[in-house]
């Protein structure tokens, strides 16, 4: 179950589509419409099923968070607000790499607060 303020966070942050995977429950919840993305390849590749989510989780071990993934016009900020939760925040924009990095850090900090409440 998503925190009550998560949908508002997604909307306020201008995230097009968000994916929340619960590793311990094996569930995936979404906010937004993936059809609004120019391409949903990132969703399929990293959040497509239990196997791809597990592979993503293993790739995050020991990594600094958040991680940024881009394919074409679509970017994804991957956050891990708890040991058993992985979130993908997908969006399109024209920020440069430094701006994307700073923004991703800000959003990650906000997500950590949301998951603490």
Protein backbone atom coordinates (compact mmCIF):
# COMPACT_ATOMS: atom_id res chain seq x y z
CA UNK A 1 0.00 0.00 0.00
CA UNK A 2 1.39 3.35 -1.04
CA UNK A 3 1.74 6.19 1.46
CA UNK A 4 -1.20 8.59 1.24
CA UNK A 5 0.95 11.48 0.02
CA UNK A 6 2.74 9.56 -2.75
CA UNK A 7 0.26 10.37 -5.56
CA UNK A 8 0.40 14.05 -4.65
CA UNK A 9 4.23 13.89 -4.64
CA UNK A 10 4.19 12.36 -8.15
CA UNK A 11 1.81 15.02 -9.45
CA UNK A 12 3.60 17.95 -7.80
CA UNK A 13 6.99 16.72 -9.04
CA UNK A 14 5.65 16.46 -12.63
CA UNK A 15 6.49 12.78 -12.84
CA UNK A 16 4.68 11.20 -15.79
CA UNK A 17 4.58 7.65 -14.45
CA UNK A 18 5.76 6.05 -11.21
CA UNK A 19 6.33 2.38 -10.42
CA UNK A 20 6.58 1.09 -6.86
CA UNK A 21 7.79 -2.49 -6.45
CA UNK A 22 7.53 -4.25 -3.10
CA UNK A 23 10.22 -6.92 -2.98
CA UNK A 24 8.85 -8.74 0.06
CA UNK A 25 5.22 -8.78 -1.16
CA UNK A 26 6.03 -9.26 -4.83
CA UNK A 27 3.60 -6.50 -5.81
CA UNK A 28 3.89 -3.58 -8.21
CA UNK A 29 1.79 -0.44 -7.92
CA UNK A 30 1.74 2.46 -10.35
CA UNK A 31 0.72 6.09 -10.41
CA UNK A 32 0.02 7.84 -13.69
CA UNK A 33 -0.49 6.43 -17.16
CA UNK A 34 2.45 4.75 -18.87
CA UNK A 35 0.83 5.57 -22.22
CA UNK A 36 1.78 9.21 -21.55
CA UNK A 37 5.46 8.27 -21.93
CA UNK A 38 6.94 8.50 -25.45
CA UNK A 39 8.34 4.99 -24.78
CA UNK A 40 7.83 2.52 -21.96
CA UNK A 41 11.02 0.54 -22.62
CA UNK A 42 12.49 1.47 -19.21
CA UNK A 43 9.34 0.20 -17.48
CA UNK A 44 9.53 -3.10 -19.35
CA UNK A 45 13.28 -3.54 -18.94
CA UNK A 46 13.52 -2.76 -15.21
CA UNK A 47 10.01 -3.23 -13.79
CA UNK A 48 8.45 -5.67 -16.28
CA UNK A 49 8.14 -8.69 -13.98
CA UNK A 50 9.52 -10.23 -10.79
CA UNK A 51 12.69 -11.37 -12.56
CA UNK A 52 13.58 -7.92 -13.94
CA UNK A 53 12.77 -6.25 -10.62
CA UNK A 54 14.99 -8.77 -8.82
CA UNK A 55 17.81 -8.08 -11.28
CA UNK A 56 17.38 -4.34 -10.73
CA UNK A 57 17.50 -4.85 -6.97
CA UNK A 58 20.70 -6.90 -7.21
CA UNK A 59 22.29 -4.22 -9.42
CA UNK A 60 21.53 -1.58 -6.76
CA UNK A 61 23.39 -3.39 -3.98
CA UNK A 62 26.21 -1.21 -2.71
CA UNK A 63 25.31 1.65 -5.08
CA UNK A 64 24.76 5.25 -4.11
CA UNK A 65 21.13 6.22 -4.46
CA UNK A 66 19.28 7.45 -6.36
CA UNK A 67 20.28 5.99 -9.74
CA UNK A 68 19.41 7.63 -13.04
CA UNK A 69 18.49 5.76 -16.20
CA UNK A 70 17.77 7.35 -19.57
CA UNK A 71 16.62 5.88 -22.86
CA UNK A 72 15.77 8.29 -25.64
CA UNK A 73 13.43 10.98 -24.36
CA UNK A 74 12.52 9.13 -21.17
CA UNK A 75 14.46 9.36 -17.92
CA UNK A 76 13.94 7.38 -14.74
CA UNK A 77 15.06 8.11 -11.20
CA UNK A 78 15.39 4.85 -9.28
CA UNK A 79 15.03 5.23 -5.52
CA UNK A 80 15.03 2.74 -2.69
CA UNK A 81 13.28 4.34 0.31
CA UNK A 82 13.31 1.06 2.24
CA UNK A 83 15.19 -2.24 1.88
CA UNK A 84 12.14 -3.93 0.34
CA UNK A 85 10.87 -1.09 -1.91
CA UNK A 86 12.16 0.12 -5.28
CA UNK A 87 10.60 3.14 -6.96
CA UNK A 88 10.98 4.27 -10.55
CA UNK A 89 10.03 7.88 -11.32
CA UNK A 90 9.71 8.29 -15.09
CA UNK A 91 9.55 11.62 -16.85
CA UNK A 92 10.59 13.59 -19.91
CA UNK A 93 12.26 16.98 -19.88
CA UNK A 94 15.21 18.91 -21.23
CA UNK A 95 17.30 19.30 -18.08
CA UNK A 96 21.04 18.82 -18.49
CA UNK A 97 22.82 16.01 -16.62
CA UNK A 98 23.82 18.17 -13.64
CA UNK A 99 20.28 19.51 -13.24
CA UNK A 100 18.86 15.98 -13.48
CA UNK A 101 21.28 14.76 -10.82
CA UNK A 102 20.42 17.59 -8.39
CA UNK A 103 16.70 17.11 -8.99
CA UNK A 104 16.99 13.35 -8.47
CA UNK A 105 18.73 13.90 -5.11
CA UNK A 106 15.96 16.30 -4.05
CA UNK A 107 13.21 13.87 -5.03
CA UNK A 108 14.99 10.98 -3.30
CA UNK A 109 15.18 13.00 -0.07
CA UNK A 110 11.47 13.78 -0.31
CA UNK A 111 10.63 10.11 -0.91
CA UNK A 112 12.62 9.04 2.13
CA UNK A 113 10.53 11.43 4.24
CA UNK A 114 7.27 10.15 2.73
CA UNK A 115 8.24 6.52 3.47
CA UNK A 116 9.18 7.39 7.08
CA UNK A 117 5.72 8.78 7.83
